[in-house]
Amino acid sequence: MLERIPLTEPDIGNDELENVVKAVKSGWVSSKGQFIEEFEKGFCAYVGAKHGITTCNGTTALHLALSALGIGKGDTVLVPSLTFIASANAVTYTGAKPVLVDSHPEYWCMDPSKIEKAIDHRTKAVLIVHLYGHPCDMDELTKIAEDKSLIIVEDCAEALGAEYNGKRVGTSGTVSCFSFYGNKIITTGEGGMCLTDDDELAEKMKMLRDHGMNPQKKYWHDVVGFNYRMTNLQAALGVAQLKKIDFLVQKKREIASTYKGFFKKLDVATAPEMPWAKSVYWLYSILVERSLRDKIIKHLYDKNIETRPFFHPLHTLPPYKTGTSLPIAEDLSARGINLPTGTKLTVREMERVADVLGSALRLS
């Protein structure tokens, strides 16, 4: 049996272990301790934001941001249909309704040209998702948002380190949200963060994150809040991960370049990168014929290569089924395969993926 090639795996070494041991020895293992503030400050410095508010995962970061922005019952929020369900769920948690928008055929994120038709008098925000590591077209989205007086929230869970026209994602919206799940660019095991340059909004998110407790009056709760705090143990891992973030992003891009070279002679559409974009290729994605997609995935699985199909469009899932068609999202979902993209992946392993993919195409 050939050795298994996983879809992705975290890059965790001695620095991470030493930090976690230090946090344990300090006695601060819950939501207080030196590493939380250090992680927030270091992450803000990397992305280019003023305030960082850590959370226990990426979904809670989205919910916290939307709640702090006052989004709730009676409001609608535009969300791309082709994304992980957490993006829409976070809107639903507030009592607002996600309105699903089709994808752009070239770079797969929310299509700005499809947004205006989805806006009505209830629309309060646009939750954009930088899908699979490729940034959205922020100039077009920002123009529409400004014209329609809409808030932009960036879901950057899959795109830490990606850039739009030389500017890192996470710095264009009112709030941006990140995930540090085990398969993300950097990890804290679970974990998330909200970034903003708005002083008042940052304080509100901090207060809501901690049960709605008044920061000047211990155990006095002005509002119903949440327990969305990150632990010092998670942050200890994150501080060490920040030291290698440039390496991890560059490694993802090298993997993408190597795959692209191997796939030149194969009948697949490779992951996009627009002229205005720097993708981090969180997962390296390809498109194949609809009728072949599941057969190819099975063939790779049988050869001990882990893959993942694209997300199901949210408008086709029971909680958000609309009965309408969003053809680009549906087509991408039916054709898309995510290939192994872990930063420990070797060139030989990538060559093996390409060889098995080629044989799957020939067999099909």
Protein backbone atom coordinates (compact mmCIF):
# COMPACT_ATOMS: atom_id res chain seq x y z
CA MET A 1 0.00 0.00 0.00
CA LEU A 2 1.35 3.40 -0.99
CA GLU A 3 1.82 5.90 1.82
CA ARG A 4 -1.20 8.13 2.37
CA ILE A 5 -1.00 11.71 1.10
CA PRO A 6 -3.27 13.82 3.31
CA LEU A 7 -5.24 16.79 2.06
CA THR A 8 -3.41 19.05 4.49
CA GLU A 9 -1.79 18.94 7.91
CA PRO A 10 -0.53 21.56 10.38
CA ASP A 11 3.14 22.53 10.52
CA ILE A 12 3.80 22.39 14.26
CA GLY A 13 7.32 22.26 15.71
CA ASN A 14 9.40 22.92 18.82
CA ASP A 15 8.54 26.62 19.11
CA GLU A 16 4.84 25.80 19.37
CA LEU A 17 5.50 23.07 21.93
CA GLU A 18 7.70 25.34 24.03
CA ASN A 19 5.07 28.09 24.07
CA VAL A 20 2.28 25.73 25.08
CA VAL A 21 4.42 24.27 27.89
CA LYS A 22 5.21 27.81 29.03
CA ALA A 23 1.50 28.65 29.11
CA VAL A 24 0.73 25.50 31.10
CA LYS A 25 3.53 26.20 33.59
CA SER A 26 2.31 29.78 34.04
CA GLY A 27 -1.05 28.51 35.29
CA TRP A 28 -2.86 30.75 32.80
CA VAL A 29 -4.53 28.15 30.61
CA SER A 30 -7.96 29.75 30.06
CA SER A 31 -8.88 33.16 28.63
CA LYS A 32 -6.19 35.24 30.37
CA GLY A 33 -2.44 35.16 29.94
CA GLN A 34 0.43 36.81 28.10
CA PHE A 35 0.02 34.97 24.81
CA ILE A 36 -3.48 36.26 24.03
CA GLU A 37 -2.45 39.91 23.79
CA GLU A 38 0.82 38.96 22.08
CA PHE A 39 -1.05 36.98 19.45
CA GLU A 40 -3.58 39.75 18.85
CA LYS A 41 -0.87 42.39 18.43
CA GLY A 42 1.33 40.22 16.24
CA PHE A 43 -1.54 39.23 13.99
CA CYS A 44 -2.69 42.84 13.61
CA ALA A 45 0.84 43.85 12.67
CA TYR A 46 1.01 41.18 9.99
CA VAL A 47 -2.35 41.91 8.37
CA GLY A 48 -2.22 45.68 8.89
CA ALA A 49 -5.12 46.40 11.25
CA LYS A 50 -5.45 48.45 14.43
CA HIS A 51 -7.41 46.09 16.69
CA GLY A 52 -7.50 42.31 17.01
CA ILE A 53 -10.11 40.46 19.04
CA THR A 54 -9.42 36.75 19.44
CA THR A 55 -12.28 34.24 19.54
CA CYS A 56 -12.66 30.51 20.10
CA ASN A 57 -13.19 29.76 16.39
CA GLY A 58 -13.78 31.37 13.02
CA THR A 59 -17.57 30.97 13.09
CA THR A 60 -17.84 32.81 16.40
CA ALA A 61 -15.64 35.55 14.95
CA LEU A 62 -18.20 36.06 12.17
CA HIS A 63 -21.14 36.00 14.58
CA LEU A 64 -19.40 38.38 16.98
CA ALA A 65 -18.65 40.86 14.18
CA LEU A 66 -22.17 40.80 12.77
CA SER A 67 -23.72 41.15 16.22
CA ALA A 68 -21.48 44.07 17.15
CA LEU A 69 -22.46 45.78 13.88
CA GLY A 70 -26.10 45.63 14.97
CA ILE A 71 -27.24 43.20 12.29
CA GLY A 72 -30.36 41.32 13.36
CA LYS A 73 -33.95 40.40 12.74
CA GLY A 74 -35.43 42.10 9.67
CA ASP A 75 -32.03 42.61 8.03
CA THR A 76 -30.55 40.74 5.10
CA VAL A 77 -26.87 40.11 4.40
CA LEU A 78 -25.47 39.17 1.00
CA VAL A 79 -23.38 35.98 1.12
CA PRO A 80 -21.78 33.98 -1.70
CA SER A 81 -23.53 30.68 -2.28
CA LEU A 82 -20.26 28.86 -2.94
CA THR A 83 -18.71 28.87 0.51
CA PHE A 84 -18.62 26.83 3.69
CA ILE A 85 -21.95 26.95 5.49
CA ALA A 86 -20.51 28.80 8.51
CA SER A 87 -20.62 32.07 6.55
CA ALA A 88 -24.41 31.90 6.19
CA ASN A 89 -24.96 30.31 9.60
CA ALA A 90 -23.32 33.26 11.35
CA VAL A 91 -25.81 35.58 9.65
CA THR A 92 -28.69 33.32 10.67
CA TYR A 93 -27.54 33.29 14.31
CA THR A 94 -28.18 37.05 14.47
CA GLY A 95 -31.78 36.66 13.28
CA ALA A 96 -30.94 38.21 9.91
CA LYS A 97 -31.42 36.40 6.60
CA PRO A 98 -28.56 35.47 4.26
CA VAL A 99 -29.28 36.29 0.61
CA LEU A 100 -27.16 34.09 -1.61
CA VAL A 101 -25.21 35.42 -4.60
CA ASP A 102 -23.64 33.58 -7.53
CA SER A 103 -19.90 33.15 -8.18
CA HIS A 104 -17.63 34.84 -10.67
CA PRO A 105 -16.71 32.33 -13.42
CA GLU A 106 -13.03 33.30 -13.53
CA TYR A 107 -11.97 33.52 -9.89
CA TRP A 108 -14.89 31.76 -8.13
CA CYS A 109 -15.61 34.33 -5.38
CA MET A 110 -18.80 36.41 -5.15
CA ASP A 111 -19.57 38.05 -8.52
CA PRO A 112 -19.91 41.84 -8.06
CA SER A 113 -22.12 42.06 -11.15
CA LYS A 114 -24.72 39.86 -9.45
CA ILE A 115 -24.94 41.85 -6.25
CA GLU A 116 -27.16 44.80 -7.12
CA LYS A 117 -30.10 42.58 -8.09
CA ALA A 118 -29.94 40.98 -4.64
CA ILE A 119 -30.08 44.29 -2.72
CA ASP A 120 -33.34 45.62 -1.30
CA HIS A 121 -34.39 47.98 1.50
CA ARG A 122 -33.55 45.34 4.14
CA THR A 123 -29.98 44.72 2.98
CA LYS A 124 -27.52 45.92 5.60
CA ALA A 125 -24.22 44.23 4.77
CA VAL A 126 -22.18 42.19 2.33
CA LEU A 127 -20.27 39.25 3.80
CA ILE A 128 -17.60 38.51 1.23
CA VAL A 129 -15.53 35.31 1.27
CA HIS A 130 -12.03 35.03 -0.17
CA LEU A 131 -12.59 31.49 -1.45
CA TYR A 132 -9.89 28.80 -1.35
CA GLY A 133 -7.22 31.44 -0.83
CA HIS A 134 -8.07 33.77 -3.74
CA PRO A 135 -9.16 37.34 -2.90
CA CYS A 136 -12.41 38.93 -4.04
CA ASP A 137 -12.45 41.94 -6.37
CA MET A 138 -12.46 44.45 -3.53
CA ASP A 139 -12.58 47.63 -5.66
CA GLU A 140 -15.82 46.57 -7.32
CA LEU A 141 -17.35 45.32 -4.08
CA THR A 142 -16.34 48.43 -2.16
CA LYS A 143 -17.81 50.71 -4.83
CA ILE A 144 -21.17 48.92 -4.69
CA ALA A 145 -21.17 48.91 -0.89
CA GLU A 146 -20.44 52.63 -0.72
CA ASP A 147 -23.09 53.44 -3.33
CA LYS A 148 -25.71 51.40 -1.44
CA SER A 149 -24.52 52.31 2.09
CA LEU A 150 -23.73 48.70 2.96
CA ILE A 151 -21.26 47.37 5.52
CA ILE A 152 -18.53 45.05 4.26
CA VAL A 153 -17.51 42.11 6.45
CA GLU A 154 -14.60 40.05 5.13
CA ASP A 155 -14.52 36.31 5.76
CA CYS A 156 -10.79 35.65 5.43
CA ALA A 157 -10.82 32.16 6.94
CA GLU A 158 -9.22 30.62 3.86
CA ALA A 159 -7.03 33.47 2.70
CA LEU A 160 -4.62 34.69 5.37
CA GLY A 161 -1.71 36.34 3.53
CA ALA A 162 -3.55 36.76 0.23
CA GLU A 163 -3.42 40.19 -1.41
CA TYR A 164 -5.61 42.37 -3.60
CA ASN A 165 -3.59 44.92 -5.61
CA GLY A 166 -0.75 44.61 -3.11
CA LYS A 167 -2.99 45.04 -0.07
CA ARG A 168 -3.53 42.14 2.31
CA VAL A 169 -7.04 40.78 2.62
CA GLY A 170 -8.67 41.71 5.90
CA THR A 171 -8.05 45.44 5.60
CA SER A 172 -10.83 46.55 3.23
CA GLY A 173 -14.00 45.90 5.25
CA THR A 174 -15.35 47.39 8.45
CA VAL A 175 -14.50 44.07 10.12
CA SER A 176 -12.57 41.05 8.89
CA CYS A 177 -12.74 37.58 10.39
CA PHE A 178 -10.16 34.80 10.38
CA SER A 179 -10.07 31.13 11.34
CA PHE A 180 -7.20 29.20 12.88
CA TYR A 181 -8.66 25.71 12.53
CA GLY A 182 -6.13 22.90 12.09
CA ASN A 183 -6.22 23.03 8.28
CA LYS A 184 -5.83 26.80 7.91
CA ILE A 185 -2.68 28.74 6.89
CA ILE A 186 -1.73 29.05 10.57
CA THR A 187 -3.48 27.20 13.37
CA THR A 188 -4.29 27.42 17.05
CA GLY A 189 -6.14 24.09 16.91
CA GLU A 190 -9.45 25.93 16.98
CA GLY A 191 -9.63 29.69 17.12
CA GLY A 192 -10.53 32.85 15.28
CA MET A 193 -10.03 36.61 15.25
CA CYS A 194 -11.88 39.78 14.30
CA LEU A 195 -9.87 42.73 12.98
CA THR A 196 -11.04 46.32 12.74
CA ASP A 197 -9.68 49.87 12.70
CA ASP A 198 -12.81 51.17 14.46
CA ASP A 199 -12.04 51.88 18.15
CA GLU A 200 -15.66 51.82 19.31
CA LEU A 201 -16.49 48.66 17.41
CA ALA A 202 -13.42 46.91 18.82
CA GLU A 203 -14.50 47.69 22.38
CA LYS A 204 -18.01 46.47 21.65
CA MET A 205 -16.70 43.17 20.27
CA LYS A 206 -14.47 42.68 23.31
CA MET A 207 -17.42 43.29 25.62
CA LEU A 208 -19.77 40.98 23.72
CA ARG A 209 -17.10 38.27 23.54
CA ASP A 210 -16.92 38.22 27.37
CA HIS A 211 -20.57 37.61 28.28
CA GLY A 212 -21.46 41.28 27.70
CA MET A 213 -19.61 42.24 30.88
CA ASN A 214 -18.97 45.92 31.55
CA PRO A 215 -15.16 46.32 31.42
CA GLN A 216 -15.25 48.95 34.19
CA LYS A 217 -17.63 47.11 36.52
CA LYS A 218 -16.81 43.47 37.25
CA TYR A 219 -19.71 41.04 36.85
CA TRP A 220 -22.04 43.80 35.67
CA HIS A 221 -23.61 42.77 32.36
CA ASP A 222 -25.18 45.53 30.29
CA VAL A 223 -26.28 43.24 27.45
CA VAL A 224 -26.62 39.56 26.59
CA GLY A 225 -23.20 38.57 25.35
CA PHE A 226 -21.35 35.41 24.39
CA ASN A 227 -18.53 33.27 25.72
CA TYR A 228 -16.35 33.41 22.60
CA ARG A 229 -12.95 33.82 24.24
CA MET A 230 -9.74 32.20 23.02
CA THR A 231 -7.59 30.40 25.57
CA ASN A 232 -4.00 31.26 26.42
CA LEU A 233 -3.05 27.74 25.30
CA GLN A 234 -4.46 28.37 21.83
CA ALA A 235 -2.79 31.79 21.63
CA ALA A 236 0.54 30.27 22.69
CA LEU A 237 0.36 28.05 19.62
CA GLY A 238 -0.63 31.04 17.48
CA VAL A 239 2.29 33.21 18.59
CA ALA A 240 4.74 30.53 17.44
CA GLN A 241 2.83 30.02 14.18
CA LEU A 242 3.09 33.73 13.37
CA LYS A 243 6.87 33.39 13.19
CA LYS A 244 6.57 31.06 10.20
CA ILE A 245 3.65 32.67 8.39
CA ASP A 246 5.76 34.04 5.52
CA PHE A 247 7.28 30.61 4.99
CA LEU A 248 3.86 28.91 5.04
CA VAL A 249 2.37 31.34 2.52
CA GLN A 250 5.37 31.02 0.20
CA LYS A 251 5.24 27.23 0.50
CA LYS A 252 1.55 27.22 -0.54
CA ARG A 253 2.42 29.30 -3.59
CA GLU A 254 5.34 27.02 -4.50
CA ILE A 255 3.04 23.99 -4.27
CA ALA A 256 0.58 25.71 -6.61
CA SER A 257 3.31 26.51 -9.11
CA THR A 258 4.61 22.93 -9.04
CA TYR A 259 1.14 21.47 -9.54
CA LYS A 260 0.45 23.84 -12.41
CA GLY A 261 3.60 22.62 -14.17
CA PHE A 262 2.65 18.98 -13.71
CA PHE A 263 -0.89 19.58 -14.97
CA LYS A 264 0.02 21.30 -18.26
CA LYS A 265 -0.69 18.18 -20.29
CA LEU A 266 -3.83 17.17 -18.39
CA ASP A 267 -7.39 18.08 -19.30
CA VAL A 268 -8.09 20.09 -16.14
CA ALA A 269 -8.67 23.75 -15.37
CA THR A 270 -6.17 24.81 -12.72
CA ALA A 271 -6.69 27.19 -9.80
CA PRO A 272 -7.03 30.83 -10.89
CA GLU A 273 -4.95 33.83 -9.97
CA MET A 274 -6.15 37.11 -11.41
CA PRO A 275 -3.63 39.85 -12.40
CA TRP A 276 -4.72 41.93 -9.40
CA ALA A 277 -4.50 39.02 -6.96
CA LYS A 278 -1.95 37.16 -4.90
CA SER A 279 -3.58 33.88 -3.95
CA VAL A 280 -2.36 31.78 -1.04
CA TYR A 281 -3.91 28.62 -2.53
CA TRP A 282 -5.24 27.45 0.85
CA LEU A 283 -6.31 24.33 -1.02
CA TYR A 284 -5.09 23.75 -4.55
CA SER A 285 -8.21 23.39 -6.67
CA ILE A 286 -8.91 22.05 -10.15
CA LEU A 287 -12.00 21.74 -12.34
CA VAL A 288 -12.82 18.62 -14.34
CA GLU A 289 -15.80 17.42 -16.33
CA ARG A 290 -18.92 17.01 -14.19
CA SER A 291 -19.40 13.38 -15.18
CA LEU A 292 -15.83 12.53 -14.14
CA ARG A 293 -15.44 14.40 -10.86
CA ASP A 294 -16.64 11.73 -8.41
CA LYS A 295 -14.90 8.93 -10.33
CA ILE A 296 -11.61 10.83 -10.16
CA ILE A 297 -12.01 11.45 -6.43
CA LYS A 298 -12.62 7.72 -5.87
CA HIS A 299 -9.65 6.76 -8.03
CA LEU A 300 -7.37 9.07 -6.02
CA TYR A 301 -8.82 7.72 -2.78
CA ASP A 302 -8.14 4.15 -3.89
CA LYS A 303 -4.52 5.19 -4.47
CA ASN A 304 -4.35 6.59 -0.90
CA ILE A 305 -4.53 10.24 -1.95
CA GLU A 306 -6.95 12.37 0.05
CA THR A 307 -8.99 14.97 -1.82
CA ARG A 308 -12.09 17.02 -1.16
CA PRO A 309 -14.93 18.06 -3.47
CA PHE A 310 -15.89 21.72 -3.61
CA PHE A 311 -18.50 22.99 -1.18
CA HIS A 312 -22.13 22.39 -2.07
CA PRO A 313 -23.70 25.75 -3.01
CA LEU A 314 -25.64 26.94 0.01
CA HIS A 315 -28.79 27.51 -2.01
CA THR A 316 -28.95 23.75 -2.64
CA LEU A 317 -28.69 22.77 1.06
CA PRO A 318 -31.84 22.17 3.14
CA PRO A 319 -31.41 25.14 5.54
CA TYR A 320 -30.97 27.64 2.69
CA LYS A 321 -32.70 26.01 -0.28
CA THR A 322 -34.31 28.68 -2.43
CA GLY A 323 -35.50 26.83 -5.53
CA THR A 324 -33.66 29.32 -7.71
CA SER A 325 -30.61 28.56 -9.82
CA LEU A 326 -27.17 30.11 -9.39
CA PRO A 327 -25.54 28.43 -12.39
CA ILE A 328 -21.89 29.38 -11.92
CA ALA A 329 -21.78 28.23 -8.30
CA GLU A 330 -23.57 25.02 -9.26
CA ASP A 331 -21.16 24.31 -12.10
CA LEU A 332 -18.04 25.01 -10.04
CA SER A 333 -19.32 22.85 -7.21
CA ALA A 334 -20.06 19.93 -9.52
CA ARG A 335 -16.64 20.08 -11.22
CA GLY A 336 -14.28 21.09 -8.41
CA ILE A 337 -11.68 18.97 -6.63
CA ASN A 338 -9.34 20.17 -3.88
CA LEU A 339 -6.00 18.36 -3.97
CA PRO A 340 -3.41 17.78 -1.22
CA THR A 341 -1.92 21.15 -0.33
CA GLY A 342 -0.20 20.67 3.03
CA THR A 343 3.03 22.59 3.48
CA LYS A 344 4.91 19.34 4.21
CA LEU A 345 4.04 18.04 0.74
CA THR A 346 7.08 16.99 -1.31
CA VAL A 347 7.64 17.42 -5.05
CA ARG A 348 7.66 13.63 -5.40
CA GLU A 349 4.25 13.44 -3.71
CA MET A 350 2.88 16.14 -6.00
CA GLU A 351 4.22 14.23 -9.00
CA ARG A 352 2.44 11.14 -7.70
CA VAL A 353 -0.82 13.10 -7.38
CA ALA A 354 -0.42 14.31 -10.98
CA ASP A 355 0.36 10.80 -12.26
CA VAL A 356 -2.67 9.27 -10.51
CA LEU A 357 -4.87 12.13 -11.66
CA GLY A 358 -3.68 11.57 -15.22
CA SER A 359 -4.43 7.86 -15.01
CA ALA A 360 -7.90 8.65 -13.61
CA LEU A 361 -8.59 10.92 -16.58
CA ARG A 362 -7.44 8.25 -19.04
CA LEU A 363 -9.56 5.57 -17.37
CA SER A 364 -12.59 7.82 -17.43
